[in-house]
């Protein structure tokens, strides 16, 4: 049986109005597609957004700013 709701990680900082407007656009798109569950991880000490080791979601939308990602 398929999952009723996708779990999508947003690897986008939330510290500026531009970033927040991107997230709002993604949320609107999600509503148009039937709704998604979002995981918005916190930032590490260097200020980079990182996923928890135990996250097992369905997809990632991000603004990648490091080679490690």
PDB file of N, CA and C in Angstrom:
ATOM      1  N   UNK A   1       0.842  -1.178   0.000  1.00  0.00           N
ATOM      2  CA  UNK A   1       0.000   0.000   0.000  1.00  0.00           C
ATOM      3  C   UNK A   1       0.892   1.248   0.000  1.00  0.00           C
ATOM      4  N   UNK A   2       0.687   2.173  -0.932  1.00  0.00           N
ATOM      5  CA  UNK A   2       1.531   3.374  -0.990  1.00  0.00           C
ATOM      6  C   UNK A   2       1.279   4.301   0.192  1.00  0.00           C
ATOM      7  N   UNK A   3       2.312   5.065   0.518  1.00  0.00           N
ATOM      8  CA  UNK A   3       2.176   6.051   1.581  1.00  0.00           C
ATOM      9  C   UNK A   3       1.189   7.124   1.139  1.00  0.00           C
ATOM     10  N   UNK A   4       0.409   7.625   2.093  1.00  0.00           N
ATOM     11  CA  UNK A   4      -0.563   8.658   1.747  1.00  0.00           C
ATOM     12  C   UNK A   4       0.077  10.036   1.646  1.00  0.00           C
ATOM     13  N   UNK A   5       1.223  10.200   2.276  1.00  0.00           N
ATOM     14  CA  UNK A   5       1.868  11.509   2.285  1.00  0.00           C
ATOM     15  C   UNK A   5       3.380  11.327   2.199  1.00  0.00           C
ATOM     16  N   UNK A   6       4.000  12.056   1.295  1.00  0.00           N
ATOM     17  CA  UNK A   6       5.448  11.979   1.152  1.00  0.00           C
ATOM     18  C   UNK A   6       6.130  12.798   2.243  1.00  0.00           C
ATOM     19  N   UNK A   7       7.286  12.318   2.712  1.00  0.00           N
ATOM     20  CA  UNK A   7       8.105  13.041   3.695  1.00  0.00           C
ATOM     21  C   UNK A   7       9.279  13.656   2.945  1.00  0.00           C
ATOM     22  N   UNK A   8       9.252  14.983   2.821  1.00  0.00           N
ATOM     23  CA  UNK A   8      10.246  15.710   2.042  1.00  0.00           C
ATOM     24  C   UNK A   8      11.086  16.576   2.976  1.00  0.00           C
ATOM     25  N   UNK A   9      12.401  16.456   2.873  1.00  0.00           N
ATOM     26  CA  UNK A   9      13.301  17.298   3.664  1.00  0.00           C
ATOM     27  C   UNK A   9      13.588  18.575   2.887  1.00  0.00           C
ATOM     28  N   UNK A  10      13.523  19.697   3.581  1.00  0.00           N
ATOM     29  CA  UNK A  10      13.868  20.979   2.978  1.00  0.00           C
ATOM     30  C   UNK A  10      15.214  21.423   3.522  1.00  0.00           C
ATOM     31  N   UNK A  11      16.237  21.347   2.703  1.00  0.00           N
ATOM     32  CA  UNK A  11      17.574  21.794   3.091  1.00  0.00           C
ATOM     33  C   UNK A  11      17.773  23.211   2.568  1.00  0.00           C
ATOM     34  N   UNK A  12      17.028  24.105   3.166  1.00  0.00           N
ATOM     35  CA  UNK A  12      17.050  25.513   2.773  1.00  0.00           C
ATOM     36  C   UNK A  12      17.098  26.330   4.055  1.00  0.00           C
ATOM     37  N   UNK A  13      18.029  27.250   4.135  1.00  0.00           N
ATOM     38  CA  UNK A  13      18.105  28.101   5.316  1.00  0.00           C
ATOM     39  C   UNK A  13      16.841  28.952   5.416  1.00  0.00           C
ATOM     40  N   UNK A  14      16.518  29.382   6.620  1.00  0.00           N
ATOM     41  CA  UNK A  14      15.316  30.191   6.839  1.00  0.00           C
ATOM     42  C   UNK A  14      15.657  31.583   7.356  1.00  0.00           C
ATOM     43  N   UNK A  15      16.911  32.007   7.168  1.00  0.00           N
ATOM     44  CA  UNK A  15      17.372  33.249   7.784  1.00  0.00           C
ATOM     45  C   UNK A  15      17.154  34.500   6.942  1.00  0.00           C
ATOM     46  N   UNK A  16      16.525  34.369   5.788  1.00  0.00           N
ATOM     47  CA  UNK A  16      16.266  35.574   4.985  1.00  0.00           C
ATOM     48  C   UNK A  16      14.866  35.491   4.385  1.00  0.00           C
ATOM     49  N   UNK A  17      14.344  36.641   4.004  1.00  0.00           N
ATOM     50  CA  UNK A  17      13.018  36.682   3.387  1.00  0.00           C
ATOM     51  C   UNK A  17      13.007  35.897   2.077  1.00  0.00           C
ATOM     52  N   UNK A  18      14.101  35.962   1.318  1.00  0.00           N
ATOM     53  CA  UNK A  18      14.168  35.216   0.059  1.00  0.00           C
ATOM     54  C   UNK A  18      14.043  33.719   0.307  1.00  0.00           C
ATOM     55  N   UNK A  19      14.798  33.203   1.282  1.00  0.00           N
ATOM     56  CA  UNK A  19      14.727  31.774   1.607  1.00  0.00           C
ATOM     57  C   UNK A  19      13.319  31.390   2.049  1.00  0.00           C
ATOM     58  N   UNK A  20      12.726  32.226   2.894  1.00  0.00           N
ATOM     59  CA  UNK A  20      11.372  31.932   3.370  1.00  0.00           C
ATOM     60  C   UNK A  20      10.366  31.959   2.224  1.00  0.00           C
ATOM     61  N   UNK A  21      10.552  32.833   1.244  1.00  0.00           N
ATOM     62  CA  UNK A  21       9.631  32.873   0.106  1.00  0.00           C
ATOM     63  C   UNK A  21       9.782  31.611  -0.757  1.00  0.00           C
ATOM     64  N   UNK A  22      10.984  31.082  -0.857  1.00  0.00           N
ATOM     65  CA  UNK A  22      11.188  29.818  -1.578  1.00  0.00           C
ATOM     66  C   UNK A  22      10.421  28.701  -0.872  1.00  0.00           C
ATOM     67  N   UNK A  23      10.521  28.641   0.446  1.00  0.00           N
ATOM     68  CA  UNK A  23       9.817  27.612   1.219  1.00  0.00           C
ATOM     69  C   UNK A  23       8.306  27.774   1.069  1.00  0.00           C
ATOM     70  N   UNK A  24       7.816  28.993   1.079  1.00  0.00           N
ATOM     71  CA  UNK A  24       6.382  29.223   0.888  1.00  0.00           C
ATOM     72  C   UNK A  24       5.930  28.726  -0.483  1.00  0.00           C
ATOM     73  N   UNK A  25       6.741  28.950  -1.514  1.00  0.00           N
ATOM     74  CA  UNK A  25       6.415  28.458  -2.849  1.00  0.00           C
ATOM     75  C   UNK A  25       6.387  26.944  -2.907  1.00  0.00           C
ATOM     76  N   UNK A  26       7.319  26.307  -2.239  1.00  0.00           N
ATOM     77  CA  UNK A  26       7.350  24.838  -2.188  1.00  0.00           C
ATOM     78  C   UNK A  26       6.112  24.321  -1.466  1.00  0.00           C
ATOM     79  N   UNK A  27       5.740  24.979  -0.371  1.00  0.00           N
ATOM     80  CA  UNK A  27       4.548  24.568   0.381  1.00  0.00           C
ATOM     81  C   UNK A  27       3.289  24.697  -0.478  1.00  0.00           C
ATOM     82  N   UNK A  28       3.189  25.770  -1.248  1.00  0.00           N
ATOM     83  CA  UNK A  28       2.035  25.943  -2.135  1.00  0.00           C
ATOM     84  C   UNK A  28       1.995  24.842  -3.197  1.00  0.00           C
ATOM     85  N   UNK A  29       3.152  24.539  -3.793  1.00  0.00           N
ATOM     86  CA  UNK A  29       3.224  23.466  -4.778  1.00  0.00           C
ATOM     87  C   UNK A  29       2.796  22.146  -4.148  1.00  0.00           C
ATOM     88  N   UNK A  30       3.235  21.896  -2.913  1.00  0.00           N
ATOM     89  CA  UNK A  30       2.873  20.683  -2.203  1.00  0.00           C
ATOM     90  C   UNK A  30       1.360  20.574  -2.036  1.00  0.00           C
ATOM     91  N   UNK A  31       0.720  21.673  -1.654  1.00  0.00           N
ATOM     92  CA  UNK A  31      -0.743  21.670  -1.496  1.00  0.00           C
ATOM     93  C   UNK A  31      -1.424  21.338  -2.820  1.00  0.00           C
ATOM     94  N   UNK A  32      -0.904  21.877  -3.916  1.00  0.00           N
ATOM     95  CA  UNK A  32      -1.473  21.610  -5.229  1.00  0.00           C
ATOM     96  C   UNK A  32      -1.324  20.144  -5.628  1.00  0.00           C
ATOM     97  N   UNK A  33      -0.323  19.461  -5.062  1.00  0.00           N
ATOM     98  CA  UNK A  33      -0.045  18.054  -5.380  1.00  0.00           C
ATOM     99  C   UNK A  33      -0.633  17.093  -4.358  1.00  0.00           C
ATOM    100  N   UNK A  34      -1.408  17.560  -3.427  1.00  0.00           N
ATOM    101  CA  UNK A  34      -2.030  16.683  -2.450  1.00  0.00           C
ATOM    102  C   UNK A  34      -1.421  16.733  -1.068  1.00  0.00           C
ATOM    103  N   UNK A  35      -0.408  17.544  -0.864  1.00  0.00           N
ATOM    104  CA  UNK A  35       0.177  17.721   0.462  1.00  0.00           C
ATOM    105  C   UNK A  35       1.329  16.788   0.749  1.00  0.00           C
ATOM    106  N   UNK A  36       2.366  17.338   1.322  1.00  0.00           N
ATOM    107  CA  UNK A  36       3.540  16.579   1.742  1.00  0.00           C
ATOM    108  C   UNK A  36       3.805  16.875   3.204  1.00  0.00           C
ATOM    109  N   UNK A  37       4.496  15.973   3.866  1.00  0.00           N
ATOM    110  CA  UNK A  37       5.016  16.219   5.217  1.00  0.00           C
ATOM    111  C   UNK A  37       6.427  16.759   5.034  1.00  0.00           C
ATOM    112  N   UNK A  38       6.738  17.859   5.711  1.00  0.00           N
ATOM    113  CA  UNK A  38       8.064  18.457   5.568  1.00  0.00           C
ATOM    114  C   UNK A  38       8.922  18.223   6.806  1.00  0.00           C
ATOM    115  N   UNK A  39      10.186  17.929   6.576  1.00  0.00           N
ATOM    116  CA  UNK A  39      11.201  17.901   7.621  1.00  0.00           C
ATOM    117  C   UNK A  39      12.137  19.066   7.334  1.00  0.00           C
ATOM    118  N   UNK A  40      12.251  19.971   8.308  1.00  0.00           N
ATOM    119  CA  UNK A  40      13.163  21.101   8.169  1.00  0.00           C
ATOM    120  C   UNK A  40      14.211  20.963   9.260  1.00  0.00           C
ATOM    121  N   UNK A  41      15.370  20.399   8.923  1.00  0.00           N
ATOM    122  CA  UNK A  41      16.402  20.154   9.932  1.00  0.00           C
ATOM    123  C   UNK A  41      17.039  21.450  10.427  1.00  0.00           C
ATOM    124  N   UNK A  42      17.626  21.373  11.587  1.00  0.00           N
ATOM    125  CA  UNK A  42      18.318  22.534  12.143  1.00  0.00           C
ATOM    126  C   UNK A  42      19.713  22.664  11.527  1.00  0.00           C
ATOM    127  N   UNK A  43      20.353  23.782  11.801  1.00  0.00           N
ATOM    128  CA  UNK A  43      21.698  24.031  11.281  1.00  0.00           C
ATOM    129  C   UNK A  43      22.750  23.516  12.251  1.00  0.00           C
ATOM    130  N   UNK A  44      23.903  23.131  11.700  1.00  0.00           N
ATOM    131  CA  UNK A  44      25.016  22.724  12.555  1.00  0.00           C
ATOM    132  C   UNK A  44      25.800  23.961  12.998  1.00  0.00           C
ATOM    133  N   UNK A  45      26.896  23.766  13.698  1.00  0.00           N
ATOM    134  CA  UNK A  45      27.670  24.875  14.255  1.00  0.00           C
ATOM    135  C   UNK A  45      28.257  25.783  13.170  1.00  0.00           C
ATOM    136  N   UNK A  46      28.482  25.234  11.968  1.00  0.00           N
ATOM    137  CA  UNK A  46      28.993  26.033  10.853  1.00  0.00           C
ATOM    138  C   UNK A  46      27.879  26.783  10.125  1.00  0.00           C
ATOM    139  N   UNK A  47      26.619  26.574  10.551  1.00  0.00           N
ATOM    140  CA  UNK A  47      25.492  27.245   9.919  1.00  0.00           C
ATOM    141  C   UNK A  47      24.915  26.502   8.734  1.00  0.00           C
ATOM    142  N   UNK A  48      25.402  25.294   8.465  1.00  0.00           N
ATOM    143  CA  UNK A  48      24.881  24.499   7.357  1.00  0.00           C
ATOM    144  C   UNK A  48      23.715  23.653   7.839  1.00  0.00           C
ATOM    145  N   UNK A  49      22.718  23.508   6.983  1.00  0.00           N
ATOM    146  CA  UNK A  49      21.563  22.684   7.290  1.00  0.00           C
ATOM    147  C   UNK A  49      21.922  21.236   7.002  1.00  0.00           C
ATOM    148  N   UNK A  50      21.696  20.358   7.979  1.00  0.00           N
ATOM    149  CA  UNK A  50      22.034  18.941   7.820  1.00  0.00           C
ATOM    150  C   UNK A  50      20.870  18.065   8.274  1.00  0.00           C
ATOM    151  N   UNK A  51      20.705  16.925   7.614  1.00  0.00           N
ATOM    152  CA  UNK A  51      19.661  15.976   7.981  1.00  0.00           C
ATOM    153  C   UNK A  51      20.082  15.132   9.172  1.00  0.00           C
ATOM    154  N   UNK A  52      19.133  14.763  10.021  1.00  0.00           N
ATOM    155  CA  UNK A  52      19.453  13.825  11.099  1.00  0.00           C
ATOM    156  C   UNK A  52      19.858  12.470  10.512  1.00  0.00           C
ATOM    157  N   UNK A  53      20.741  11.768  11.188  1.00  0.00           N
ATOM    158  CA  UNK A  53      21.214  10.470  10.699  1.00  0.00           C
ATOM    159  C   UNK A  53      20.089   9.453  10.550  1.00  0.00           C
ATOM    160  N   UNK A  54      19.029   9.573  11.356  1.00  0.00           N
ATOM    161  CA  UNK A  54      17.947   8.588  11.338  1.00  0.00           C
ATOM    162  C   UNK A  54      16.784   8.971  10.421  1.00  0.00           C
ATOM    163  N   UNK A  55      16.950   9.998   9.590  1.00  0.00           N
ATOM    164  CA  UNK A  55      15.875  10.410   8.679  1.00  0.00           C
ATOM    165  C   UNK A  55      15.815   9.462   7.494  1.00  0.00           C
ATOM    166  N   UNK A  56      14.623   8.980   7.179  1.00  0.00           N
ATOM    167  CA  UNK A  56      14.421   8.044   6.058  1.00  0.00           C
ATOM    168  C   UNK A  56      13.223   8.504   5.238  1.00  0.00           C
ATOM    169  N   UNK A  57      13.308   9.682   4.678  1.00  0.00           N
ATOM    170  CA  UNK A  57      12.189  10.256   3.940  1.00  0.00           C
ATOM    171  C   UNK A  57      12.163   9.840   2.481  1.00  0.00           C
ATOM    172  N   UNK A  58      11.319  10.542   1.751  1.00  0.00           N
ATOM    173  CA  UNK A  58      11.075  10.219   0.349  1.00  0.00           C
ATOM    174  C   UNK A  58      11.816  11.105  -0.639  1.00  0.00           C
ATOM    175  N   UNK A  59      12.272  12.277  -0.192  1.00  0.00           N
ATOM    176  CA  UNK A  59      12.953  13.163  -1.120  1.00  0.00           C
ATOM    177  C   UNK A  59      13.531  14.374  -0.416  1.00  0.00           C
ATOM    178  N   UNK A  60      14.381  15.085  -1.141  1.00  0.00           N
ATOM    179  CA  UNK A  60      15.052  16.269  -0.594  1.00  0.00           C
ATOM    180  C   UNK A  60      14.934  17.398  -1.608  1.00  0.00           C
ATOM    181  N   UNK A  61      14.567  18.568  -1.119  1.00  0.00           N
ATOM    182  CA  UNK A  61      14.631  19.784  -1.908  1.00  0.00           C
ATOM    183  C   UNK A  61      15.611  20.681  -1.180  1.00  0.00           C
ATOM    184  N   UNK A  62      16.627  21.165  -1.874  1.00  0.00           N
ATOM    185  CA  UNK A  62      17.627  21.948  -1.159  1.00  0.00           C
ATOM    186  C   UNK A  62      18.351  22.953  -2.021  1.00  0.00           C
ATOM    187  N   UNK A  63      18.961  23.860  -1.334  1.00  0.00           N
ATOM    188  CA  UNK A  63      19.881  24.814  -1.939  1.00  0.00           C
ATOM    189  C   UNK A  63      21.268  24.406  -1.434  1.00  0.00           C
ATOM    190  N   UNK A  64      21.980  23.691  -2.248  1.00  0.00           N
ATOM    191  CA  UNK A  64      23.257  23.118  -1.835  1.00  0.00           C
ATOM    192  C   UNK A  64      24.369  24.148  -1.963  1.00  0.00           C
ATOM    193  N   UNK A  65      25.103  24.320  -0.859  1.00  0.00           N
ATOM    194  CA  UNK A  65      26.181  25.323  -0.844  1.00  0.00           C
ATOM    195  C   UNK A  65      27.520  24.722  -0.425  1.00  0.00           C
ATOM    196  N   UNK A  66      27.572  23.389  -0.294  1.00  0.00           N
ATOM    197  CA  UNK A  66      28.858  22.785   0.069  1.00  0.00           C
ATOM    198  C   UNK A  66      29.099  21.546  -0.787  1.00  0.00           C
ATOM    199  N   UNK A  67      30.350  21.238  -1.032  1.00  0.00           N
ATOM    200  CA  UNK A  67      30.721  20.075  -1.819  1.00  0.00           C
ATOM    201  C   UNK A  67      30.319  18.767  -1.148  1.00  0.00           C
ATOM    202  N   UNK A  68      30.272  18.768   0.201  1.00  0.00           N
ATOM    203  CA  UNK A  68      29.954  17.550   0.935  1.00  0.00           C
ATOM    204  C   UNK A  68      28.520  17.075   0.666  1.00  0.00           C
ATOM    205  N   UNK A  69      27.619  17.986   0.398  1.00  0.00           N
ATOM    206  CA  UNK A  69      26.231  17.608   0.139  1.00  0.00           C
ATOM    207  C   UNK A  69      26.115  16.928  -1.211  1.00  0.00           C
TER     208      UNK A  69
END
